[in-house]
């Protein structure tokens, strides 16, 4: 398990991966994202390639969402307004088979 914090801005902010990554990993790992209780709502999205984006909706302050890292090159977020920011606690976990 590995945890880190990301400050999400009004522009596209990477929670995992990057805009320059073109080949997704094949993994059963999970990314747990928790928006700070004192933060602002965030728009979540993933990319499988530089031109393919899937919108996941809005994560409110204090809420958590879990992404599979399989077949994505970027997991991102941005604030829902043009002036606020929010901290997201990201935790990567690798489930073990039984």
Protein backbone atom coordinates (compact mmCIF):
# COMPACT_ATOMS: atom_id res chain seq x y z
CA UNK A 1 0.00 0.00 0.00
CA UNK A 2 1.26 3.47 -0.91
CA UNK A 3 -0.44 6.82 -0.10
CA UNK A 4 0.15 10.36 -1.31
CA UNK A 5 -1.74 13.68 -1.48
CA UNK A 6 -2.53 15.64 -4.63
CA UNK A 7 -3.69 19.26 -4.79
CA UNK A 8 -6.38 19.37 -7.48
CA UNK A 9 -6.67 22.62 -9.41
CA UNK A 10 -9.31 24.08 -11.78
CA UNK A 11 -7.27 22.66 -14.67
CA UNK A 12 -6.70 18.97 -15.40
CA UNK A 13 -4.69 17.44 -12.53
CA UNK A 14 -3.25 13.92 -12.62
CA UNK A 15 -4.04 11.68 -9.65
CA UNK A 16 -2.23 8.74 -11.28
CA UNK A 17 -0.40 8.32 -14.58
CA UNK A 18 0.32 11.16 -16.95
CA UNK A 19 -0.64 12.91 -20.19
CA UNK A 20 2.52 11.65 -21.91
CA UNK A 21 1.92 7.97 -21.05
CA UNK A 22 0.64 6.03 -24.09
CA UNK A 23 0.66 2.37 -23.00
CA UNK A 24 -1.60 1.32 -20.10
CA UNK A 25 -0.50 -1.21 -17.49
CA UNK A 26 -2.22 -4.55 -16.98
CA UNK A 27 -2.77 -4.81 -13.23
CA UNK A 28 -5.35 -5.62 -10.58
CA UNK A 29 -4.14 -2.67 -8.48
CA UNK A 30 -6.65 -0.14 -7.18
CA UNK A 31 -6.43 3.61 -6.65
CA UNK A 32 -8.55 4.84 -3.74
CA UNK A 33 -9.26 8.60 -4.00
CA UNK A 34 -10.72 10.53 -1.05
CA UNK A 35 -11.65 14.18 -1.50
CA UNK A 36 -10.89 16.35 1.54
CA UNK A 37 -13.90 17.20 3.75
CA UNK A 38 -13.03 20.91 3.51
CA UNK A 39 -12.46 20.78 -0.25
CA UNK A 40 -14.72 21.46 -3.23
CA UNK A 41 -16.52 19.10 -5.65
CA UNK A 42 -14.26 17.49 -8.25
CA UNK A 43 -14.89 16.18 -11.76
CA UNK A 44 -13.23 12.76 -12.18
CA UNK A 45 -12.09 11.18 -15.46
CA UNK A 46 -9.80 8.52 -16.89
CA UNK A 47 -7.87 8.25 -20.14
CA UNK A 48 -6.94 5.09 -22.02
CA UNK A 49 -5.03 7.04 -24.66
CA UNK A 50 -4.26 10.73 -25.31
CA UNK A 51 -7.52 11.06 -27.31
CA UNK A 52 -9.86 8.86 -25.23
CA UNK A 53 -11.45 10.33 -22.07
CA UNK A 54 -14.17 8.77 -19.88
CA UNK A 55 -16.02 11.08 -17.47
CA UNK A 56 -16.90 9.56 -14.06
CA UNK A 57 -19.02 12.34 -12.58
CA UNK A 58 -18.51 14.50 -9.50
CA UNK A 59 -16.86 13.58 -6.19
CA UNK A 60 -18.15 15.77 -3.34
CA UNK A 61 -16.04 16.84 -0.33
CA UNK A 62 -15.53 13.89 2.04
CA UNK A 63 -16.44 11.28 -0.60
CA UNK A 64 -14.26 8.39 -1.83
CA UNK A 65 -14.07 6.57 -5.17
CA UNK A 66 -12.05 3.49 -6.15
CA UNK A 67 -10.54 3.09 -9.64
CA UNK A 68 -9.00 -0.02 -11.21
CA UNK A 69 -5.60 0.85 -12.65
CA UNK A 70 -6.00 -1.78 -15.38
CA UNK A 71 -5.95 -0.40 -18.94
CA UNK A 72 -5.82 3.32 -18.11
CA UNK A 73 -2.95 5.73 -18.72
CA UNK A 74 -4.26 8.58 -16.53
CA UNK A 75 -6.72 9.11 -13.70
CA UNK A 76 -7.46 12.79 -13.31
CA UNK A 77 -9.57 15.39 -11.59
CA UNK A 78 -10.35 19.08 -11.79
CA UNK A 79 -12.38 21.39 -9.62
CA UNK A 80 -15.90 22.31 -10.66
CA UNK A 81 -15.20 26.05 -10.47
CA UNK A 82 -12.46 28.33 -11.79
CA UNK A 83 -10.89 29.52 -8.52
CA UNK A 84 -10.88 26.77 -5.86
CA UNK A 85 -8.60 23.82 -5.15
CA UNK A 86 -8.97 20.64 -3.11
CA UNK A 87 -6.64 18.01 -1.62
CA UNK A 88 -7.16 14.37 -2.56
CA UNK A 89 -5.63 11.50 -0.59
CA UNK A 90 -4.65 8.77 -3.07
CA UNK A 91 -3.87 5.22 -1.92
CA UNK A 92 -2.67 2.46 -4.22
CA UNK A 93 -3.45 -1.07 -3.07
CA UNK A 94 -2.67 -4.41 -4.69
CA UNK A 95 -5.27 -7.04 -3.70
CA UNK A 96 -3.82 -10.50 -3.13
CA UNK A 97 -5.56 -13.58 -4.55
CA UNK A 98 -7.05 -16.03 -2.05
